[in-house]
C-alpha cells in the first residue's frame, strides 16, 4: 500500500499496522545510540536527568526501553545531548 509519504514509511509498518513494541531491533538500536551519545558526552544518568529536568530514573527507563519517548521528548533529549535527532531517526528506517 502506498501512503501519502511514498514508500519511505513502509518499513515502519507490518501489513499496514503500526509497530508499537519497543522490543524491535530498530528501536533497541535507537536506545543504544542514545545511551552511547550520553556516554560519549561523559554524562551520567543523573547529570542528563538534570539537563532535561527529569529524575535520573526517567533517563534509566528510557535507555532500558521501560519508558517511550514521544517525538517532542525525543527531540529535546537529543538537544540536551547536543546531537542531531535525525541521526537517530535513520536507525528506524
N, C-alpha and C. Protein backbone atom coordinates (compact mmCIF):
# COMPACT_ATOMS: atom_id res chain seq x y z
N UNK A 1 0.85 -1.18 0.00
CA UNK A 1 0.00 0.00 0.00
C UNK A 1 0.89 1.24 0.00
N UNK A 2 0.57 2.18 -0.84
CA UNK A 2 1.36 3.40 -0.93
C UNK A 2 0.68 4.48 -0.08
N UNK A 3 1.45 5.07 0.80
CA UNK A 3 0.94 6.13 1.68
C UNK A 3 1.24 7.48 1.06
N UNK A 4 0.67 8.53 1.62
CA UNK A 4 0.89 9.87 1.09
C UNK A 4 2.35 10.28 1.16
N UNK A 5 3.13 9.59 1.98
CA UNK A 5 4.54 9.90 2.12
C UNK A 5 5.40 9.02 1.21
N UNK A 6 4.77 8.25 0.36
CA UNK A 6 5.52 7.37 -0.52
C UNK A 6 5.95 6.13 0.23
N UNK A 7 6.98 5.50 -0.25
CA UNK A 7 7.45 4.25 0.34
C UNK A 7 8.40 4.46 1.50
N UNK A 8 8.71 5.70 1.83
CA UNK A 8 9.71 5.94 2.87
C UNK A 8 9.26 5.46 4.24
N UNK A 9 7.97 5.40 4.48
CA UNK A 9 7.49 4.95 5.79
C UNK A 9 7.08 3.49 5.79
N UNK A 10 7.11 2.85 4.65
CA UNK A 10 6.60 1.49 4.57
C UNK A 10 7.35 0.52 5.48
N UNK A 11 8.62 0.80 5.76
CA UNK A 11 9.40 -0.10 6.61
C UNK A 11 8.95 -0.03 8.07
N UNK A 12 8.18 0.96 8.43
CA UNK A 12 7.71 1.08 9.81
C UNK A 12 6.38 0.37 10.04
N UNK A 13 5.83 -0.21 9.01
CA UNK A 13 4.53 -0.85 9.09
C UNK A 13 4.66 -2.34 8.82
N UNK A 14 3.78 -3.11 9.42
CA UNK A 14 3.66 -4.52 9.13
C UNK A 14 2.24 -4.74 8.68
N UNK A 15 2.07 -4.97 7.40
CA UNK A 15 0.73 -5.15 6.83
C UNK A 15 -0.21 -4.04 7.26
N UNK A 16 0.26 -2.82 7.11
CA UNK A 16 -0.49 -1.61 7.42
C UNK A 16 -0.80 -1.43 8.90
N UNK A 17 -0.12 -2.15 9.77
CA UNK A 17 -0.28 -1.96 11.21
C UNK A 17 0.99 -1.32 11.74
N UNK A 18 0.83 -0.33 12.57
CA UNK A 18 1.99 0.32 13.17
C UNK A 18 2.63 -0.60 14.19
N UNK A 19 3.94 -0.57 14.23
CA UNK A 19 4.68 -1.35 15.23
C UNK A 19 4.72 -0.52 16.50
N UNK A 20 4.17 -1.07 17.58
CA UNK A 20 4.11 -0.33 18.84
C UNK A 20 5.07 -0.88 19.88
N UNK A 21 5.69 -1.99 19.59
CA UNK A 21 6.58 -2.63 20.55
C UNK A 21 7.93 -1.91 20.60
N UNK A 22 8.48 -1.86 21.79
CA UNK A 22 9.81 -1.28 21.96
C UNK A 22 10.88 -2.36 21.89
N UNK A 23 10.49 -3.59 21.62
CA UNK A 23 11.46 -4.68 21.59
C UNK A 23 11.98 -4.98 20.19
N UNK A 24 11.63 -4.16 19.21
CA UNK A 24 12.13 -4.38 17.86
C UNK A 24 13.62 -4.04 17.80
N UNK A 25 14.32 -4.64 16.88
CA UNK A 25 15.76 -4.38 16.75
C UNK A 25 16.04 -2.92 16.43
N UNK A 26 15.20 -2.31 15.61
CA UNK A 26 15.42 -0.90 15.25
C UNK A 26 15.27 0.01 16.45
N UNK A 27 14.23 -0.22 17.25
CA UNK A 27 14.03 0.62 18.42
C UNK A 27 15.14 0.41 19.44
N UNK A 28 15.56 -0.84 19.61
CA UNK A 28 16.66 -1.13 20.52
C UNK A 28 17.95 -0.46 20.04
N UNK A 29 18.15 -0.39 18.72
CA UNK A 29 19.33 0.30 18.17
C UNK A 29 19.27 1.79 18.51
N UNK A 30 18.07 2.37 18.45
CA UNK A 30 17.91 3.78 18.80
C UNK A 30 18.25 4.02 20.27
N UNK A 31 17.77 3.15 21.14
CA UNK A 31 18.06 3.29 22.57
C UNK A 31 19.55 3.14 22.84
N UNK A 32 20.18 2.19 22.18
CA UNK A 32 21.62 2.01 22.33
C UNK A 32 22.37 3.26 21.86
N UNK A 33 21.92 3.83 20.75
CA UNK A 33 22.52 5.05 20.21
C UNK A 33 22.40 6.20 21.21
N UNK A 34 21.20 6.37 21.80
CA UNK A 34 21.01 7.43 22.79
C UNK A 34 21.94 7.24 23.98
N UNK A 35 22.03 6.01 24.47
CA UNK A 35 22.90 5.74 25.62
C UNK A 35 24.37 6.01 25.25
N UNK A 36 24.79 5.57 24.06
CA UNK A 36 26.16 5.81 23.63
C UNK A 36 26.45 7.30 23.50
N UNK A 37 25.49 8.07 23.03
CA UNK A 37 25.67 9.52 22.92
C UNK A 37 25.87 10.12 24.30
N UNK A 38 25.09 9.64 25.27
CA UNK A 38 25.24 10.14 26.65
C UNK A 38 26.63 9.81 27.19
N UNK A 39 27.04 8.57 26.98
CA UNK A 39 28.34 8.14 27.50
C UNK A 39 29.49 8.89 26.82
N UNK A 40 29.37 9.12 25.50
CA UNK A 40 30.41 9.86 24.78
C UNK A 40 30.53 11.30 25.28
N UNK A 41 29.43 11.84 25.78
CA UNK A 41 29.45 13.19 26.34
C UNK A 41 30.01 13.20 27.77
N UNK A 42 30.21 12.00 28.32
CA UNK A 42 30.71 11.90 29.69
C UNK A 42 29.63 12.18 30.72
N UNK A 43 28.38 11.97 30.34
CA UNK A 43 27.26 12.25 31.24
C UNK A 43 26.80 10.98 31.94
N UNK A 44 26.42 11.12 33.19
CA UNK A 44 25.78 10.03 33.92
C UNK A 44 24.27 10.16 33.70
N UNK A 45 23.53 9.14 34.11
CA UNK A 45 22.07 9.26 34.01
C UNK A 45 21.58 10.41 34.89
N UNK A 46 22.23 10.62 36.00
CA UNK A 46 21.85 11.73 36.89
C UNK A 46 22.10 13.09 36.24
N UNK A 47 23.28 13.24 35.61
CA UNK A 47 23.59 14.55 35.01
C UNK A 47 22.70 14.83 33.81
N UNK A 48 22.37 13.81 33.02
CA UNK A 48 21.44 14.03 31.91
C UNK A 48 20.06 14.36 32.45
N UNK A 49 19.67 13.69 33.52
CA UNK A 49 18.39 14.00 34.15
C UNK A 49 18.29 15.46 34.56
N UNK A 50 19.38 16.00 35.10
CA UNK A 50 19.41 17.41 35.48
C UNK A 50 19.25 18.29 34.25
N UNK A 51 19.95 17.93 33.16
CA UNK A 51 19.87 18.74 31.94
C UNK A 51 18.47 18.80 31.36
N UNK A 52 17.73 17.69 31.46
CA UNK A 52 16.38 17.66 30.89
C UNK A 52 15.29 17.87 31.94
N UNK A 53 15.71 18.19 33.15
CA UNK A 53 14.79 18.46 34.26
C UNK A 53 13.86 17.28 34.53
N UNK A 54 14.47 16.11 34.57
CA UNK A 54 13.74 14.87 34.89
C UNK A 54 14.57 14.10 35.90
N UNK A 55 13.93 13.25 36.69
CA UNK A 55 14.71 12.42 37.62
C UNK A 55 15.57 11.42 36.86
N UNK A 56 16.65 10.97 37.47
CA UNK A 56 17.55 10.04 36.80
C UNK A 56 16.84 8.75 36.40
N UNK A 57 15.79 8.40 37.14
CA UNK A 57 15.04 7.18 36.82
C UNK A 57 14.40 7.28 35.43
N UNK A 58 14.02 8.49 35.03
CA UNK A 58 13.44 8.71 33.71
C UNK A 58 14.45 8.32 32.64
N UNK A 59 15.68 8.81 32.77
CA UNK A 59 16.73 8.50 31.80
C UNK A 59 16.99 7.00 31.77
N UNK A 60 17.08 6.40 32.92
CA UNK A 60 17.33 4.97 33.02
C UNK A 60 16.22 4.18 32.34
N UNK A 61 14.98 4.57 32.58
CA UNK A 61 13.84 3.86 31.98
C UNK A 61 13.81 4.04 30.47
N UNK A 62 14.18 5.22 29.98
CA UNK A 62 14.25 5.44 28.54
C UNK A 62 15.30 4.51 27.94
N UNK A 63 16.47 4.47 28.52
CA UNK A 63 17.57 3.69 27.98
C UNK A 63 17.33 2.18 28.03
N UNK A 64 16.51 1.73 28.95
CA UNK A 64 16.21 0.30 29.05
C UNK A 64 14.91 -0.07 28.35
N UNK A 65 14.25 0.90 27.74
CA UNK A 65 13.02 0.61 27.00
C UNK A 65 11.78 0.50 27.85
N UNK A 66 11.88 0.87 29.12
CA UNK A 66 10.72 0.82 30.00
C UNK A 66 9.83 2.06 29.84
N UNK A 67 10.37 3.09 29.22
CA UNK A 67 9.64 4.35 29.02
C UNK A 67 9.87 4.79 27.58
N UNK A 68 8.77 5.00 26.86
CA UNK A 68 8.87 5.51 25.49
C UNK A 68 8.97 7.03 25.51
N UNK A 69 9.67 7.55 24.53
CA UNK A 69 9.71 9.00 24.34
C UNK A 69 8.77 9.37 23.21
N UNK A 70 7.97 10.41 23.42
CA UNK A 70 7.20 10.89 22.29
C UNK A 70 8.14 11.72 21.41
N UNK A 71 7.68 12.14 20.28
CA UNK A 71 8.55 12.83 19.32
C UNK A 71 9.14 14.11 19.92
N UNK A 72 8.33 14.88 20.59
CA UNK A 72 8.82 16.13 21.17
C UNK A 72 9.86 15.85 22.25
N UNK A 73 9.61 14.85 23.10
CA UNK A 73 10.58 14.49 24.13
C UNK A 73 11.89 14.01 23.50
N UNK A 74 11.77 13.22 22.43
CA UNK A 74 12.96 12.71 21.75
C UNK A 74 13.83 13.85 21.23
N UNK A 75 13.22 14.83 20.62
CA UNK A 75 13.97 15.97 20.09
C UNK A 75 14.65 16.72 21.23
N UNK A 76 13.95 16.96 22.33
CA UNK A 76 14.54 17.64 23.48
C UNK A 76 15.68 16.82 24.09
N UNK A 77 15.50 15.53 24.15
CA UNK A 77 16.51 14.61 24.67
C UNK A 77 17.78 14.74 23.83
N UNK A 78 17.63 14.74 22.52
CA UNK A 78 18.77 14.88 21.61
C UNK A 78 19.42 16.26 21.74
N UNK A 79 18.61 17.28 21.93
CA UNK A 79 19.16 18.63 22.11
C UNK A 79 20.01 18.68 23.38
N UNK A 80 19.55 18.04 24.44
CA UNK A 80 20.32 18.01 25.69
C UNK A 80 21.64 17.28 25.50
N UNK A 81 21.64 16.28 24.61
CA UNK A 81 22.87 15.54 24.31
C UNK A 81 23.71 16.22 23.23
N UNK A 82 23.18 17.30 22.68
CA UNK A 82 23.85 18.05 21.62
C UNK A 82 24.14 17.17 20.40
N UNK A 83 23.13 16.37 20.02
CA UNK A 83 23.22 15.53 18.83
C UNK A 83 22.04 15.82 17.91
N UNK A 84 22.24 15.57 16.64
CA UNK A 84 21.20 15.77 15.64
C UNK A 84 20.18 14.64 15.73
N UNK A 85 18.94 14.96 16.06
CA UNK A 85 17.90 13.96 16.23
C UNK A 85 17.70 13.12 14.96
N UNK A 86 18.01 13.70 13.81
CA UNK A 86 17.81 12.98 12.53
C UNK A 86 18.73 11.77 12.42
N UNK A 87 19.88 11.82 13.05
CA UNK A 87 20.79 10.68 13.01
C UNK A 87 20.17 9.46 13.68
N UNK A 88 19.52 9.68 14.80
CA UNK A 88 18.84 8.58 15.50
C UNK A 88 17.65 8.06 14.73
N UNK A 89 16.93 8.96 14.07
CA UNK A 89 15.76 8.53 13.31
C UNK A 89 16.15 7.62 12.15
N UNK A 90 17.34 7.82 11.60
CA UNK A 90 17.80 6.97 10.49
C UNK A 90 17.91 5.52 10.93
N UNK A 91 18.11 5.29 12.22
CA UNK A 91 18.20 3.92 12.72
C UNK A 91 16.85 3.21 12.65
N UNK A 92 15.76 3.96 12.54
CA UNK A 92 14.43 3.37 12.48
C UNK A 92 13.99 3.03 11.06
N UNK A 93 14.77 3.44 10.09
CA UNK A 93 14.40 3.16 8.69
C UNK A 93 14.65 1.72 8.33
